[in-house]
PDB file of N, CA and C in Angstrom:
ATOM      1  N   UNK A   1      -9.693  15.516  39.292  1.00  0.00           N
ATOM      2  CA  UNK A   1     -11.012  17.195  38.963  1.00  0.00           C
ATOM      3  C   UNK A   1     -10.355  17.716  37.577  1.00  0.00           C
ATOM      4  N   UNK A   2     -11.542  18.764  37.053  1.00  0.00           N
ATOM      5  CA  UNK A   2     -11.641  18.888  35.806  1.00  0.00           C
ATOM      6  C   UNK A   2     -11.048  20.831  35.141  1.00  0.00           C
ATOM      7  N   UNK A   3     -10.668  20.483  34.089  1.00  0.00           N
ATOM      8  CA  UNK A   3     -10.156  21.806  33.960  1.00  0.00           C
ATOM      9  C   UNK A   3     -11.181  23.019  34.172  1.00  0.00           C
ATOM     10  N   UNK A   4     -10.366  24.036  34.788  1.00  0.00           N
ATOM     11  CA  UNK A   4     -11.503  25.241  34.829  1.00  0.00           C
ATOM     12  C   UNK A   4     -12.022  25.768  33.926  1.00  0.00           C
ATOM     13  N   UNK A   5     -13.157  26.523  34.075  1.00  0.00           N
ATOM     14  CA  UNK A   5     -14.145  26.834  32.718  1.00  0.00           C
ATOM     15  C   UNK A   5     -14.254  28.392  33.023  1.00  0.00           C
ATOM     16  N   UNK A   6     -14.813  29.010  34.068  1.00  0.00           N
ATOM     17  CA  UNK A   6     -15.040  30.476  33.877  1.00  0.00           C
ATOM     18  C   UNK A   6     -14.019  30.935  34.967  1.00  0.00           C
ATOM     19  N   UNK A   7     -13.513  32.275  34.495  1.00  0.00           N
ATOM     20  CA  UNK A   7     -13.135  32.970  34.749  1.00  0.00           C
ATOM     21  C   UNK A   7     -13.138  34.020  35.576  1.00  0.00           C
ATOM     22  N   UNK A   8     -12.137  34.875  36.122  1.00  0.00           N
ATOM     23  CA  UNK A   8     -12.585  36.229  36.530  1.00  0.00           C
ATOM     24  C   UNK A   8     -11.670  37.396  36.577  1.00  0.00           C
ATOM     25  N   UNK A   9     -11.531  38.401  36.780  1.00  0.00           N
ATOM     26  CA  UNK A   9     -10.780  39.287  36.467  1.00  0.00           C
ATOM     27  C   UNK A   9      -9.254  38.813  37.124  1.00  0.00           C
ATOM     28  N   UNK A  10      -8.121  39.292  36.486  1.00  0.00           N
ATOM     29  CA  UNK A  10      -6.864  38.801  36.967  1.00  0.00           C
ATOM     30  C   UNK A  10      -6.384  37.306  36.727  1.00  0.00           C
ATOM     31  N   UNK A  11      -7.242  36.714  36.350  1.00  0.00           N
ATOM     32  CA  UNK A  11      -6.643  34.948  36.675  1.00  0.00           C
ATOM     33  C   UNK A  11      -6.254  35.161  35.215  1.00  0.00           C
ATOM     34  N   UNK A  12      -5.884  34.412  34.916  1.00  0.00           N
ATOM     35  CA  UNK A  12      -4.257  34.313  33.488  1.00  0.00           C
ATOM     36  C   UNK A  12      -5.367  32.995  32.725  1.00  0.00           C
ATOM     37  N   UNK A  13      -5.675  33.310  31.171  1.00  0.00           N
ATOM     38  CA  UNK A  13      -5.931  32.688  30.203  1.00  0.00           C
ATOM     39  C   UNK A  13      -5.337  31.634  29.784  1.00  0.00           C
ATOM     40  N   UNK A  14      -5.806  30.126  30.526  1.00  0.00           N
ATOM     41  CA  UNK A  14      -4.914  28.651  30.141  1.00  0.00           C
ATOM     42  C   UNK A  14      -4.691  28.475  28.675  1.00  0.00           C
ATOM     43  N   UNK A  15      -5.870  28.952  27.903  1.00  0.00           N
ATOM     44  CA  UNK A  15      -5.443  29.078  26.094  1.00  0.00           C
ATOM     45  C   UNK A  15      -5.439  30.464  25.291  1.00  0.00           C
ATOM     46  N   UNK A  16      -4.986  30.192  23.839  1.00  0.00           N
ATOM     47  CA  UNK A  16      -5.237  30.852  23.479  1.00  0.00           C
ATOM     48  C   UNK A  16      -7.004  31.233  23.075  1.00  0.00           C
ATOM     49  N   UNK A  17      -7.388  31.970  22.349  1.00  0.00           N
ATOM     50  CA  UNK A  17      -9.300  31.922  22.559  1.00  0.00           C
ATOM     51  C   UNK A  17      -9.512  33.015  22.241  1.00  0.00           C
ATOM     52  N   UNK A  18     -11.132  33.027  22.088  1.00  0.00           N
ATOM     53  CA  UNK A  18     -11.992  33.905  22.577  1.00  0.00           C
ATOM     54  C   UNK A  18     -12.956  33.777  23.578  1.00  0.00           C
ATOM     55  N   UNK A  19     -13.110  34.761  24.362  1.00  0.00           N
ATOM     56  CA  UNK A  19     -13.847  34.513  25.714  1.00  0.00           C
ATOM     57  C   UNK A  19     -15.033  35.391  26.056  1.00  0.00           C
ATOM     58  N   UNK A  20     -16.043  35.054  26.406  1.00  0.00           N
ATOM     59  CA  UNK A  20     -16.863  36.010  26.770  1.00  0.00           C
ATOM     60  C   UNK A  20     -18.028  36.043  28.074  1.00  0.00           C
ATOM     61  N   UNK A  21     -18.427  36.880  28.325  1.00  0.00           N
ATOM     62  CA  UNK A  21     -19.375  37.116  29.613  1.00  0.00           C
ATOM     63  C   UNK A  21     -20.387  36.250  29.980  1.00  0.00           C
ATOM     64  N   UNK A  22     -20.481  35.617  31.062  1.00  0.00           N
ATOM     65  CA  UNK A  22     -21.606  34.753  30.803  1.00  0.00           C
ATOM     66  C   UNK A  22     -22.038  34.999  32.446  1.00  0.00           C
ATOM     67  N   UNK A  23     -23.222  34.610  32.139  1.00  0.00           N
ATOM     68  CA  UNK A  23     -23.663  35.116  34.567  1.00  0.00           C
ATOM     69  C   UNK A  23     -23.647  33.981  35.244  1.00  0.00           C
ATOM     70  N   UNK A  24     -23.740  33.794  36.808  1.00  0.00           N
ATOM     71  CA  UNK A  24     -22.606  33.357  37.493  1.00  0.00           C
ATOM     72  C   UNK A  24     -23.204  32.045  37.403  1.00  0.00           C
ATOM     73  N   UNK A  25     -24.716  31.868  37.052  1.00  0.00           N
ATOM     74  CA  UNK A  25     -25.413  30.396  36.875  1.00  0.00           C
ATOM     75  C   UNK A  25     -25.688  30.772  35.196  1.00  0.00           C
ATOM     76  N   UNK A  26     -24.676  30.170  34.422  1.00  0.00           N
ATOM     77  CA  UNK A  26     -24.686  30.849  32.899  1.00  0.00           C
ATOM     78  C   UNK A  26     -26.110  30.047  32.079  1.00  0.00           C
ATOM     79  N   UNK A  27     -26.643  28.733  32.687  1.00  0.00           N
ATOM     80  CA  UNK A  27     -27.631  28.336  32.314  1.00  0.00           C
ATOM     81  C   UNK A  27     -29.152  28.701  32.731  1.00  0.00           C
ATOM     82  N   UNK A  28     -28.684  29.067  33.685  1.00  0.00           N
ATOM     83  CA  UNK A  28     -29.980  30.048  34.251  1.00  0.00           C
ATOM     84  C   UNK A  28     -30.331  31.728  33.522  1.00  0.00           C
ATOM     85  N   UNK A  29     -29.059  32.269  33.293  1.00  0.00           N
ATOM     86  CA  UNK A  29     -28.795  33.803  32.761  1.00  0.00           C
ATOM     87  C   UNK A  29     -28.867  33.768  31.799  1.00  0.00           C
ATOM     88  N   UNK A  30     -29.519  34.878  30.480  1.00  0.00           N
ATOM     89  CA  UNK A  30     -28.980  35.150  29.683  1.00  0.00           C
ATOM     90  C   UNK A  30     -28.528  36.728  29.711  1.00  0.00           C
ATOM     91  N   UNK A  31     -27.560  36.881  28.844  1.00  0.00           N
ATOM     92  CA  UNK A  31     -27.118  38.170  29.123  1.00  0.00           C
ATOM     93  C   UNK A  31     -27.256  38.665  27.842  1.00  0.00           C
ATOM     94  N   UNK A  32     -28.199  39.890  27.662  1.00  0.00           N
ATOM     95  CA  UNK A  32     -27.933  40.912  26.399  1.00  0.00           C
ATOM     96  C   UNK A  32     -26.196  41.174  26.076  1.00  0.00           C
ATOM     97  N   UNK A  33     -26.332  40.976  24.795  1.00  0.00           N
ATOM     98  CA  UNK A  33     -24.992  41.843  24.249  1.00  0.00           C
ATOM     99  C   UNK A  33     -23.949  41.668  24.947  1.00  0.00           C
ATOM    100  N   UNK A  34     -23.349  40.517  25.137  1.00  0.00           N
ATOM    101  CA  UNK A  34     -22.025  39.624  26.646  1.00  0.00           C
ATOM    102  C   UNK A  34     -21.071  40.713  25.705  1.00  0.00           C
ATOM    103  N   UNK A  35     -20.022  41.110  26.510  1.00  0.00           N
ATOM    104  CA  UNK A  35     -18.707  41.094  25.672  1.00  0.00           C
ATOM    105  C   UNK A  35     -18.381  39.944  24.954  1.00  0.00           C
ATOM    106  N   UNK A  36     -17.144  40.011  24.447  1.00  0.00           N
ATOM    107  CA  UNK A  36     -15.932  38.953  23.911  1.00  0.00           C
ATOM    108  C   UNK A  36     -15.089  39.621  23.952  1.00  0.00           C
ATOM    109  N   UNK A  37     -13.864  38.932  24.158  1.00  0.00           N
ATOM    110  CA  UNK A  37     -12.565  38.988  24.073  1.00  0.00           C
ATOM    111  C   UNK A  37     -11.458  38.440  23.511  1.00  0.00           C
ATOM    112  N   UNK A  38     -10.660  38.353  23.054  1.00  0.00           N
ATOM    113  CA  UNK A  38      -9.705  37.442  21.826  1.00  0.00           C
ATOM    114  C   UNK A  38      -8.441  37.763  22.913  1.00  0.00           C
ATOM    115  N   UNK A  39      -8.061  36.755  24.194  1.00  0.00           N
ATOM    116  CA  UNK A  39      -6.418  36.838  24.969  1.00  0.00           C
ATOM    117  C   UNK A  39      -5.420  35.285  24.154  1.00  0.00           C
ATOM    118  N   UNK A  40      -4.421  35.935  24.141  1.00  0.00           N
ATOM    119  CA  UNK A  40      -3.318  34.758  24.407  1.00  0.00           C
ATOM    120  C   UNK A  40      -3.265  33.765  25.285  1.00  0.00           C
ATOM    121  N   UNK A  41      -2.694  32.512  25.581  1.00  0.00           N
ATOM    122  CA  UNK A  41      -2.246  31.782  26.809  1.00  0.00           C
ATOM    123  C   UNK A  41      -1.288  32.717  27.665  1.00  0.00           C
ATOM    124  N   UNK A  42      -2.022  32.980  28.485  1.00  0.00           N
ATOM    125  CA  UNK A  42      -0.848  33.782  30.308  1.00  0.00           C
ATOM    126  C   UNK A  42      -1.323  34.800  29.802  1.00  0.00           C
ATOM    127  N   UNK A  43      -2.395  35.709  29.453  1.00  0.00           N
ATOM    128  CA  UNK A  43      -2.790  36.906  29.428  1.00  0.00           C
ATOM    129  C   UNK A  43      -3.490  36.642  30.681  1.00  0.00           C
ATOM    130  N   UNK A  44      -3.765  38.052  30.976  1.00  0.00           N
ATOM    131  CA  UNK A  44      -4.792  38.378  32.210  1.00  0.00           C
ATOM    132  C   UNK A  44      -6.120  38.642  31.661  1.00  0.00           C
ATOM    133  N   UNK A  45      -7.540  38.285  32.382  1.00  0.00           N
ATOM    134  CA  UNK A  45      -8.662  38.916  32.042  1.00  0.00           C
ATOM    135  C   UNK A  45      -9.056  40.111  32.460  1.00  0.00           C
ATOM    136  N   UNK A  46      -9.795  40.813  32.191  1.00  0.00           N
ATOM    137  CA  UNK A  46     -10.047  42.082  32.442  1.00  0.00           C
ATOM    138  C   UNK A  46     -11.561  42.092  33.395  1.00  0.00           C
ATOM    139  N   UNK A  47     -11.341  43.588  33.693  1.00  0.00           N
ATOM    140  CA  UNK A  47     -12.711  43.418  34.455  1.00  0.00           C
ATOM    141  C   UNK A  47     -14.130  42.909  33.231  1.00  0.00           C
ATOM    142  N   UNK A  48     -14.931  42.634  34.178  1.00  0.00           N
ATOM    143  CA  UNK A  48     -16.260  42.176  33.137  1.00  0.00           C
ATOM    144  C   UNK A  48     -17.450  43.577  33.445  1.00  0.00           C
ATOM    145  N   UNK A  49     -18.291  43.667  32.969  1.00  0.00           N
ATOM    146  CA  UNK A  49     -19.207  44.933  32.585  1.00  0.00           C
ATOM    147  C   UNK A  49     -20.276  44.922  33.576  1.00  0.00           C
ATOM    148  N   UNK A  50     -20.228  43.133  34.627  1.00  0.00           N
ATOM    149  CA  UNK A  50     -21.165  43.937  35.861  1.00  0.00           C
ATOM    150  C   UNK A  50     -20.512  42.326  37.033  1.00  0.00           C
ATOM    151  N   UNK A  51     -20.538  42.928  38.226  1.00  0.00           N
ATOM    152  CA  UNK A  51     -19.224  41.931  39.194  1.00  0.00           C
ATOM    153  C   UNK A  51     -20.198  40.762  39.600  1.00  0.00           C
ATOM    154  N   UNK A  52     -21.067  40.531  38.566  1.00  0.00           N
ATOM    155  CA  UNK A  52     -21.951  39.090  39.109  1.00  0.00           C
ATOM    156  C   UNK A  52     -21.723  38.055  37.206  1.00  0.00           C
ATOM    157  N   UNK A  53     -20.842  38.601  36.809  1.00  0.00           N
ATOM    158  CA  UNK A  53     -20.787  38.016  35.471  1.00  0.00           C
ATOM    159  C   UNK A  53     -18.962  37.425  35.684  1.00  0.00           C
ATOM    160  N   UNK A  54     -18.757  36.954  34.623  1.00  0.00           N
ATOM    161  CA  UNK A  54     -17.298  35.524  34.873  1.00  0.00           C
ATOM    162  C   UNK A  54     -17.024  35.597  33.285  1.00  0.00           C
ATOM    163  N   UNK A  55     -16.100  35.360  33.072  1.00  0.00           N
ATOM    164  CA  UNK A  55     -15.564  34.848  31.934  1.00  0.00           C
ATOM    165  C   UNK A  55     -15.566  33.532  30.987  1.00  0.00           C
ATOM    166  N   UNK A  56     -15.962  33.129  30.234  1.00  0.00           N
ATOM    167  CA  UNK A  56     -16.129  31.317  29.902  1.00  0.00           C
ATOM    168  C   UNK A  56     -15.271  31.657  28.042  1.00  0.00           C
ATOM    169  N   UNK A  57     -14.406  30.773  27.935  1.00  0.00           N
ATOM    170  CA  UNK A  57     -13.839  30.160  26.688  1.00  0.00           C
ATOM    171  C   UNK A  57     -15.020  30.289  25.522  1.00  0.00           C
ATOM    172  N   UNK A  58     -15.143  30.563  24.887  1.00  0.00           N
ATOM    173  CA  UNK A  58     -16.007  30.097  23.417  1.00  0.00           C
ATOM    174  C   UNK A  58     -15.476  28.618  22.575  1.00  0.00           C
ATOM    175  N   UNK A  59     -16.773  28.015  22.253  1.00  0.00           N
ATOM    176  CA  UNK A  59     -16.053  26.599  21.807  1.00  0.00           C
ATOM    177  C   UNK A  59     -16.965  26.771  20.548  1.00  0.00           C
ATOM    178  N   UNK A  60     -16.283  26.250  19.268  1.00  0.00           N
ATOM    179  CA  UNK A  60     -16.076  26.498  17.988  1.00  0.00           C
ATOM    180  C   UNK A  60     -16.843  25.199  17.597  1.00  0.00           C
ATOM    181  N   UNK A  61     -17.873  25.251  17.035  1.00  0.00           N
ATOM    182  CA  UNK A  61     -18.555  23.832  16.168  1.00  0.00           C
ATOM    183  C   UNK A  61     -17.545  23.137  15.778  1.00  0.00           C
ATOM    184  N   UNK A  62     -17.603  21.725  15.734  1.00  0.00           N
ATOM    185  CA  UNK A  62     -17.248  21.179  14.461  1.00  0.00           C
ATOM    186  C   UNK A  62     -17.995  20.081  13.747  1.00  0.00           C
ATOM    187  N   UNK A  63     -16.934  20.789  12.600  1.00  0.00           N
ATOM    188  CA  UNK A  63     -17.855  19.372  11.756  1.00  0.00           C
ATOM    189  C   UNK A  63     -17.774  18.414  11.262  1.00  0.00           C
ATOM    190  N   UNK A  64     -18.054  17.233  11.031  1.00  0.00           N
ATOM    191  CA  UNK A  64     -17.817  16.261  10.217  1.00  0.00           C
ATOM    192  C   UNK A  64     -17.579  16.100   9.076  1.00  0.00           C
TER     193      UNK A  64
END
């Protein structure tokens, strides 16, 4: 089983990082001005702007 990628209010951050709001089906739903937050490992996720949204970690592009 893979690592959890979307989080809800009260879930604990698995790693330090920046997280952004995504729609329930993020590849179909484009959110205008999504909230972004920075959390440390173990901190709880806050409530999203909308009950149909979740938190997802932002990934940084790797330069080769």
